[in-house]
Amino acid sequence: MDEIDRVIDVDVEGMSCGHCVQHVTEALQNLSPVKNVAVTLKPGEASEVKVVTDTEIADEDIKAAIDEAGYDVVGIRRDF
């Protein structure tokens, strides 16, 4: 059976520059089921982070990775 890619949308506050994007991207890519991370930086408001995976990732794991990078998760939405 083929795995189906899933998208998790995460709203993250506190990101203001390219280095912020890099820190969050690297933190999420360290979670083993993550296949891709795309960030839409929105300084002064919650930035949009799309996480692509073919396996379920717990909200707590996403929040912990982003928190460790120094940013705040303010929302998580899933397409599945």
N, C-alpha and C. Protein backbone atom coordinates (compact mmCIF):
# COMPACT_ATOMS: atom_id res chain seq x y z
N MET A 1 0.84 -1.17 0.00
CA MET A 1 0.00 0.00 0.00
C MET A 1 0.89 1.24 0.00
N ASP A 2 0.61 2.20 -0.88
CA ASP A 2 1.39 3.42 -0.96
C ASP A 2 1.00 4.37 0.16
N GLU A 3 2.00 5.05 0.69
CA GLU A 3 1.75 6.08 1.70
C GLU A 3 1.26 7.34 0.99
N ILE A 4 0.37 8.05 1.62
CA ILE A 4 -0.18 9.28 1.06
C ILE A 4 0.41 10.46 1.83
N ASP A 5 0.91 11.45 1.08
CA ASP A 5 1.43 12.65 1.74
C ASP A 5 0.31 13.39 2.44
N ARG A 6 0.63 13.91 3.59
CA ARG A 6 -0.32 14.68 4.40
C ARG A 6 0.32 16.04 4.65
N VAL A 7 -0.51 17.07 4.76
CA VAL A 7 -0.01 18.40 5.02
C VAL A 7 -0.53 18.87 6.38
N ILE A 8 0.39 19.35 7.20
CA ILE A 8 0.04 19.93 8.49
C ILE A 8 0.40 21.40 8.41
N ASP A 9 -0.59 22.28 8.61
CA ASP A 9 -0.36 23.72 8.60
C ASP A 9 -0.17 24.19 10.03
N VAL A 10 0.95 24.88 10.25
CA VAL A 10 1.29 25.34 11.59
C VAL A 10 1.47 26.86 11.55
N ASP A 11 0.78 27.56 12.44
CA ASP A 11 0.95 29.01 12.57
C ASP A 11 1.97 29.27 13.68
N VAL A 12 3.02 30.02 13.33
CA VAL A 12 4.14 30.24 14.25
C VAL A 12 4.38 31.73 14.43
N GLU A 13 4.42 32.18 15.68
CA GLU A 13 4.71 33.58 15.99
C GLU A 13 6.17 33.73 16.40
N GLY A 14 6.68 34.95 16.15
CA GLY A 14 8.04 35.26 16.58
C GLY A 14 9.08 35.19 15.48
N MET A 15 8.68 34.81 14.27
CA MET A 15 9.62 34.72 13.16
C MET A 15 9.65 36.06 12.43
N SER A 16 10.89 36.57 12.16
CA SER A 16 10.99 37.88 11.53
C SER A 16 12.00 37.96 10.39
N CYS A 17 12.75 36.88 10.15
CA CYS A 17 13.80 36.96 9.12
C CYS A 17 14.13 35.56 8.57
N GLY A 18 15.03 35.55 7.61
CA GLY A 18 15.45 34.29 6.99
C GLY A 18 16.09 33.32 7.97
N HIS A 19 16.81 33.84 8.96
CA HIS A 19 17.41 32.96 9.95
C HIS A 19 16.33 32.25 10.77
N CYS A 20 15.24 32.97 11.05
CA CYS A 20 14.12 32.36 11.78
C CYS A 20 13.54 31.21 10.96
N VAL A 21 13.36 31.46 9.67
CA VAL A 21 12.84 30.42 8.77
C VAL A 21 13.76 29.21 8.79
N GLN A 22 15.06 29.44 8.72
CA GLN A 22 16.03 28.35 8.73
C GLN A 22 15.96 27.55 10.03
N HIS A 23 15.87 28.24 11.17
CA HIS A 23 15.81 27.54 12.46
C HIS A 23 14.58 26.65 12.57
N VAL A 24 13.42 27.19 12.18
CA VAL A 24 12.18 26.41 12.26
C VAL A 24 12.21 25.25 11.27
N THR A 25 12.69 25.51 10.07
CA THR A 25 12.77 24.45 9.05
C THR A 25 13.65 23.32 9.52
N GLU A 26 14.83 23.64 10.02
CA GLU A 26 15.75 22.60 10.50
C GLU A 26 15.17 21.84 11.68
N ALA A 27 14.51 22.54 12.60
CA ALA A 27 13.93 21.88 13.76
C ALA A 27 12.88 20.86 13.34
N LEU A 28 12.04 21.24 12.36
CA LEU A 28 10.99 20.32 11.91
C LEU A 28 11.55 19.19 11.06
N GLN A 29 12.58 19.46 10.27
CA GLN A 29 13.17 18.40 9.45
C GLN A 29 13.86 17.34 10.30
N ASN A 30 14.19 17.68 11.53
CA ASN A 30 14.79 16.70 12.44
C ASN A 30 13.77 15.69 12.96
N LEU A 31 12.47 15.96 12.76
CA LEU A 31 11.44 14.97 13.10
C LEU A 31 11.42 13.95 11.97
N SER A 32 11.65 12.69 12.30
CA SER A 32 11.89 11.68 11.27
C SER A 32 10.81 11.53 10.21
N PRO A 33 9.52 11.68 10.49
CA PRO A 33 8.56 11.47 9.40
C PRO A 33 8.39 12.68 8.46
N VAL A 34 9.06 13.81 8.75
CA VAL A 34 8.88 15.01 7.93
C VAL A 34 9.61 14.85 6.60
N LYS A 35 8.87 15.08 5.52
CA LYS A 35 9.44 14.98 4.17
C LYS A 35 9.82 16.35 3.61
N ASN A 36 9.05 17.39 3.97
CA ASN A 36 9.30 18.72 3.44
C ASN A 36 8.70 19.76 4.38
N VAL A 37 9.35 20.93 4.41
CA VAL A 37 8.86 22.06 5.19
C VAL A 37 8.91 23.29 4.30
N ALA A 38 7.80 24.04 4.26
CA ALA A 38 7.76 25.30 3.51
C ALA A 38 7.22 26.37 4.44
N VAL A 39 7.92 27.53 4.46
CA VAL A 39 7.55 28.61 5.36
C VAL A 39 7.19 29.85 4.56
N THR A 40 6.05 30.45 4.91
CA THR A 40 5.68 31.77 4.40
C THR A 40 5.88 32.74 5.54
N LEU A 41 6.97 33.51 5.46
CA LEU A 41 7.33 34.43 6.53
C LEU A 41 6.41 35.65 6.52
N LYS A 42 5.86 35.96 7.69
CA LYS A 42 4.99 37.12 7.86
C LYS A 42 5.43 37.88 9.11
N PRO A 43 6.47 38.72 8.98
CA PRO A 43 6.95 39.46 10.16
C PRO A 43 5.83 40.28 10.79
N GLY A 44 5.75 40.24 12.12
CA GLY A 44 4.74 41.00 12.83
C GLY A 44 3.43 40.26 13.02
N GLU A 45 3.31 39.07 12.42
CA GLU A 45 2.12 38.24 12.61
C GLU A 45 2.54 36.77 12.54
N ALA A 46 1.59 35.88 12.65
CA ALA A 46 1.92 34.45 12.63
C ALA A 46 2.34 34.03 11.22
N SER A 47 3.52 33.45 11.10
CA SER A 47 4.00 32.92 9.83
C SER A 47 3.35 31.57 9.58
N GLU A 48 3.22 31.22 8.29
CA GLU A 48 2.58 29.95 7.91
C GLU A 48 3.66 28.92 7.59
N VAL A 49 3.59 27.79 8.28
CA VAL A 49 4.54 26.71 8.06
C VAL A 49 3.77 25.49 7.59
N LYS A 50 4.13 24.95 6.42
CA LYS A 50 3.50 23.74 5.89
C LYS A 50 4.48 22.59 6.07
N VAL A 51 4.02 21.56 6.75
CA VAL A 51 4.83 20.37 7.00
C VAL A 51 4.22 19.22 6.20
N VAL A 52 5.02 18.60 5.33
CA VAL A 52 4.56 17.47 4.54
C VAL A 52 5.14 16.20 5.14
N THR A 53 4.28 15.22 5.35
CA THR A 53 4.68 13.94 5.94
C THR A 53 3.81 12.83 5.36
N ASP A 54 4.28 11.62 5.46
CA ASP A 54 3.43 10.49 5.07
C ASP A 54 3.05 9.65 6.29
N THR A 55 3.38 10.18 7.48
CA THR A 55 3.08 9.52 8.74
C THR A 55 2.55 10.55 9.72
N GLU A 56 1.67 10.16 10.59
CA GLU A 56 1.12 11.07 11.59
C GLU A 56 2.23 11.59 12.50
N ILE A 57 2.17 12.87 12.83
CA ILE A 57 3.07 13.49 13.80
C ILE A 57 2.19 14.13 14.87
N ALA A 58 2.49 13.85 16.11
CA ALA A 58 1.71 14.40 17.22
C ALA A 58 1.91 15.91 17.32
N ASP A 59 0.84 16.62 17.66
CA ASP A 59 0.92 18.07 17.86
C ASP A 59 2.02 18.41 18.87
N GLU A 60 2.13 17.62 19.91
CA GLU A 60 3.12 17.87 20.95
C GLU A 60 4.54 17.83 20.39
N ASP A 61 4.80 16.93 19.45
CA ASP A 61 6.13 16.83 18.85
C ASP A 61 6.44 18.05 17.99
N ILE A 62 5.44 18.51 17.24
CA ILE A 62 5.61 19.71 16.41
C ILE A 62 5.86 20.91 17.31
N LYS A 63 5.03 21.06 18.33
CA LYS A 63 5.18 22.20 19.25
C LYS A 63 6.54 22.17 19.95
N ALA A 64 6.98 21.00 20.38
CA ALA A 64 8.26 20.88 21.09
C ALA A 64 9.42 21.27 20.18
N ALA A 65 9.39 20.84 18.92
CA ALA A 65 10.48 21.16 17.98
C ALA A 65 10.54 22.67 17.73
N ILE A 66 9.38 23.29 17.53
CA ILE A 66 9.35 24.73 17.25
C ILE A 66 9.69 25.52 18.50
N ASP A 67 9.22 25.07 19.66
CA ASP A 67 9.54 25.72 20.92
C ASP A 67 11.05 25.69 21.18
N GLU A 68 11.66 24.54 20.90
CA GLU A 68 13.09 24.39 21.10
C GLU A 68 13.87 25.34 20.18
N ALA A 69 13.31 25.62 19.00
CA ALA A 69 13.95 26.56 18.07
C ALA A 69 13.75 28.01 18.52
N GLY A 70 12.85 28.23 19.50
CA GLY A 70 12.67 29.56 20.07
C GLY A 70 11.44 30.32 19.59
N TYR A 71 10.46 29.60 19.06
CA TYR A 71 9.27 30.25 18.51
C TYR A 71 8.01 29.64 19.11
N ASP A 72 6.87 30.32 18.90
CA ASP A 72 5.61 29.91 19.51
C ASP A 72 4.61 29.42 18.49
N VAL A 73 4.07 28.22 18.70
CA VAL A 73 2.99 27.70 17.86
C VAL A 73 1.67 28.27 18.37
N VAL A 74 0.90 28.88 17.46
CA VAL A 74 -0.39 29.45 17.85
C VAL A 74 -1.56 28.73 17.18
N GLY A 75 -1.25 27.76 16.31
CA GLY A 75 -2.32 26.99 15.69
C GLY A 75 -1.77 25.86 14.84
N ILE A 76 -2.52 24.75 14.80
CA ILE A 76 -2.17 23.60 13.96
C ILE A 76 -3.43 23.12 13.28
N ARG A 77 -3.37 22.97 11.94
CA ARG A 77 -4.48 22.45 11.15
C ARG A 77 -3.97 21.32 10.27
N ARG A 78 -4.84 20.36 10.02
CA ARG A 78 -4.46 19.20 9.21
C ARG A 78 -5.42 19.02 8.06
N ASP A 79 -4.91 18.43 6.96
CA ASP A 79 -5.75 18.18 5.80
C ASP A 79 -6.30 16.76 5.80
N PHE A 80 -6.13 16.05 6.93
CA PHE A 80 -6.59 14.66 7.01
C PHE A 80 -7.30 14.41 8.31
